[in-house]
């Protein structure tokens, strides 16, 4: 927990996600439980509301690095979460 709150801070969410990605890379086969855990930790980061400009930049930078490293694309719903507002079609 961070800064005298009961909320998990962005840094902890990112650390959890990185640990899960490493576990997936180390596994001989992608395990369903690991894939679920990765998706849950990624969703936690996307749902996290940054506390100031520094965390906004950290969140965007981390998600950009995740996309570049994995080659995975965000869904439209994930993009809405990341950008903080629904996109109009």
C-alpha atoms as a PDB file:
ATOM      1  CA  UNK A   1       0.000   0.000   0.000  1.00  0.00           C
ATOM      2  CA  UNK A   2       1.203   3.491  -0.737  1.00  0.00           C
ATOM      3  CA  UNK A   3       1.196   6.885   0.893  1.00  0.00           C
ATOM      4  CA  UNK A   4      -0.876   6.108   3.965  1.00  0.00           C
ATOM      5  CA  UNK A   5      -3.860   4.913   1.920  1.00  0.00           C
ATOM      6  CA  UNK A   6      -5.550   1.605   1.545  1.00  0.00           C
ATOM      7  CA  UNK A   7      -5.290   1.828  -2.248  1.00  0.00           C
ATOM      8  CA  UNK A   8      -2.597   0.056  -4.175  1.00  0.00           C
ATOM      9  CA  UNK A   9      -0.289   2.558  -5.862  1.00  0.00           C
ATOM     10  CA  UNK A  10       0.614   2.537  -9.535  1.00  0.00           C
ATOM     11  CA  UNK A  11       4.174   1.424  -8.835  1.00  0.00           C
ATOM     12  CA  UNK A  12       2.919  -1.683  -7.007  1.00  0.00           C
ATOM     13  CA  UNK A  13       0.469  -2.483  -9.819  1.00  0.00           C
ATOM     14  CA  UNK A  14       3.245  -2.195 -12.387  1.00  0.00           C
ATOM     15  CA  UNK A  15       5.558  -4.383 -10.274  1.00  0.00           C
ATOM     16  CA  UNK A  16       2.832  -7.044 -10.023  1.00  0.00           C
ATOM     17  CA  UNK A  17       2.246  -6.940 -13.782  1.00  0.00           C
ATOM     18  CA  UNK A  18       5.965  -7.223 -14.566  1.00  0.00           C
ATOM     19  CA  UNK A  19       6.304 -10.176 -12.178  1.00  0.00           C
ATOM     20  CA  UNK A  20       3.426 -11.927 -13.914  1.00  0.00           C
ATOM     21  CA  UNK A  21       4.915 -11.269 -17.358  1.00  0.00           C
ATOM     22  CA  UNK A  22       8.226 -12.752 -16.162  1.00  0.00           C
ATOM     23  CA  UNK A  23       6.438 -15.802 -14.773  1.00  0.00           C
ATOM     24  CA  UNK A  24       4.685 -16.281 -18.103  1.00  0.00           C
ATOM     25  CA  UNK A  25       7.969 -15.995 -19.993  1.00  0.00           C
ATOM     26  CA  UNK A  26       9.624 -18.512 -17.665  1.00  0.00           C
ATOM     27  CA  UNK A  27       6.806 -21.059 -17.997  1.00  0.00           C
ATOM     28  CA  UNK A  28       7.288 -23.815 -20.551  1.00  0.00           C
ATOM     29  CA  UNK A  29       3.684 -23.318 -21.661  1.00  0.00           C
ATOM     30  CA  UNK A  30       1.338 -20.403 -21.147  1.00  0.00           C
ATOM     31  CA  UNK A  31      -0.786 -21.483 -18.225  1.00  0.00           C
ATOM     32  CA  UNK A  32      -4.412 -20.325 -18.141  1.00  0.00           C
ATOM     33  CA  UNK A  33      -3.999 -19.134 -14.554  1.00  0.00           C
ATOM     34  CA  UNK A  34      -0.971 -17.011 -15.484  1.00  0.00           C
ATOM     35  CA  UNK A  35      -2.779 -15.560 -18.483  1.00  0.00           C
ATOM     36  CA  UNK A  36      -5.740 -14.665 -16.270  1.00  0.00           C
ATOM     37  CA  UNK A  37      -3.429 -13.126 -13.671  1.00  0.00           C
ATOM     38  CA  UNK A  38      -1.682 -11.055 -16.374  1.00  0.00           C
ATOM     39  CA  UNK A  39      -5.006  -9.789 -17.705  1.00  0.00           C
ATOM     40  CA  UNK A  40      -6.206  -8.924 -14.185  1.00  0.00           C
ATOM     41  CA  UNK A  41      -3.027  -7.040 -13.307  1.00  0.00           C
ATOM     42  CA  UNK A  42      -3.100  -5.183 -16.656  1.00  0.00           C
ATOM     43  CA  UNK A  43      -6.736  -4.240 -16.015  1.00  0.00           C
ATOM     44  CA  UNK A  44      -5.785  -2.970 -12.534  1.00  0.00           C
ATOM     45  CA  UNK A  45      -3.229  -0.647 -14.140  1.00  0.00           C
ATOM     46  CA  UNK A  46      -5.728   0.537 -16.748  1.00  0.00           C
ATOM     47  CA  UNK A  47      -8.376   1.204 -14.057  1.00  0.00           C
ATOM     48  CA  UNK A  48      -5.895   2.988 -11.779  1.00  0.00           C
ATOM     49  CA  UNK A  49      -6.567   6.722 -11.441  1.00  0.00           C
ATOM     50  CA  UNK A  50      -3.192   8.506 -11.426  1.00  0.00           C
ATOM     51  CA  UNK A  51      -2.465  10.866  -8.559  1.00  0.00           C
ATOM     52  CA  UNK A  52      -0.831  13.742 -10.402  1.00  0.00           C
ATOM     53  CA  UNK A  53       0.988  14.368 -13.652  1.00  0.00           C
ATOM     54  CA  UNK A  54       3.948  12.188 -12.717  1.00  0.00           C
ATOM     55  CA  UNK A  55       1.733   9.113 -12.349  1.00  0.00           C
ATOM     56  CA  UNK A  56      -0.140   9.981 -15.560  1.00  0.00           C
ATOM     57  CA  UNK A  57       3.186   9.938 -17.399  1.00  0.00           C
ATOM     58  CA  UNK A  58       4.316   6.767 -15.619  1.00  0.00           C
ATOM     59  CA  UNK A  59       1.077   4.948 -16.491  1.00  0.00           C
ATOM     60  CA  UNK A  60       1.211   5.995 -20.169  1.00  0.00           C
ATOM     61  CA  UNK A  61       4.901   5.142 -20.428  1.00  0.00           C
ATOM     62  CA  UNK A  62       4.402   1.726 -18.860  1.00  0.00           C
ATOM     63  CA  UNK A  63       1.466   0.811 -21.115  1.00  0.00           C
ATOM     64  CA  UNK A  64       3.414   2.007 -24.173  1.00  0.00           C
ATOM     65  CA  UNK A  65       6.388  -0.154 -23.149  1.00  0.00           C
ATOM     66  CA  UNK A  66       4.049  -3.126 -22.586  1.00  0.00           C
ATOM     67  CA  UNK A  67       2.579  -2.730 -26.085  1.00  0.00           C
ATOM     68  CA  UNK A  68       6.015  -2.393 -27.694  1.00  0.00           C
ATOM     69  CA  UNK A  69       7.456  -5.373 -25.792  1.00  0.00           C
ATOM     70  CA  UNK A  70       4.549  -7.775 -26.287  1.00  0.00           C
ATOM     71  CA  UNK A  71       3.155  -6.570 -29.596  1.00  0.00           C
ATOM     72  CA  UNK A  72      -0.306  -6.792 -28.051  1.00  0.00           C
ATOM     73  CA  UNK A  73      -2.858  -4.113 -28.873  1.00  0.00           C
ATOM     74  CA  UNK A  74      -5.299  -2.633 -26.386  1.00  0.00           C
ATOM     75  CA  UNK A  75      -8.996  -3.171 -26.985  1.00  0.00           C
ATOM     76  CA  UNK A  76     -11.170  -0.102 -27.604  1.00  0.00           C
ATOM     77  CA  UNK A  77     -12.458  -0.432 -24.028  1.00  0.00           C
ATOM     78  CA  UNK A  78      -8.895  -0.546 -22.680  1.00  0.00           C
ATOM     79  CA  UNK A  79      -8.013   2.531 -24.733  1.00  0.00           C
ATOM     80  CA  UNK A  80     -11.014   4.330 -23.212  1.00  0.00           C
ATOM     81  CA  UNK A  81      -9.767   3.422 -19.735  1.00  0.00           C
ATOM     82  CA  UNK A  82      -6.241   4.551 -20.570  1.00  0.00           C
ATOM     83  CA  UNK A  83      -7.312   7.859 -22.053  1.00  0.00           C
ATOM     84  CA  UNK A  84      -9.886   8.483 -19.342  1.00  0.00           C
ATOM     85  CA  UNK A  85     -12.942   9.113 -21.499  1.00  0.00           C
ATOM     86  CA  UNK A  86     -15.086   7.159 -23.899  1.00  0.00           C
ATOM     87  CA  UNK A  87     -14.350   7.720 -27.559  1.00  0.00           C
ATOM     88  CA  UNK A  88     -17.200   8.753 -29.793  1.00  0.00           C
ATOM     89  CA  UNK A  89     -17.785   6.752 -32.970  1.00  0.00           C
END
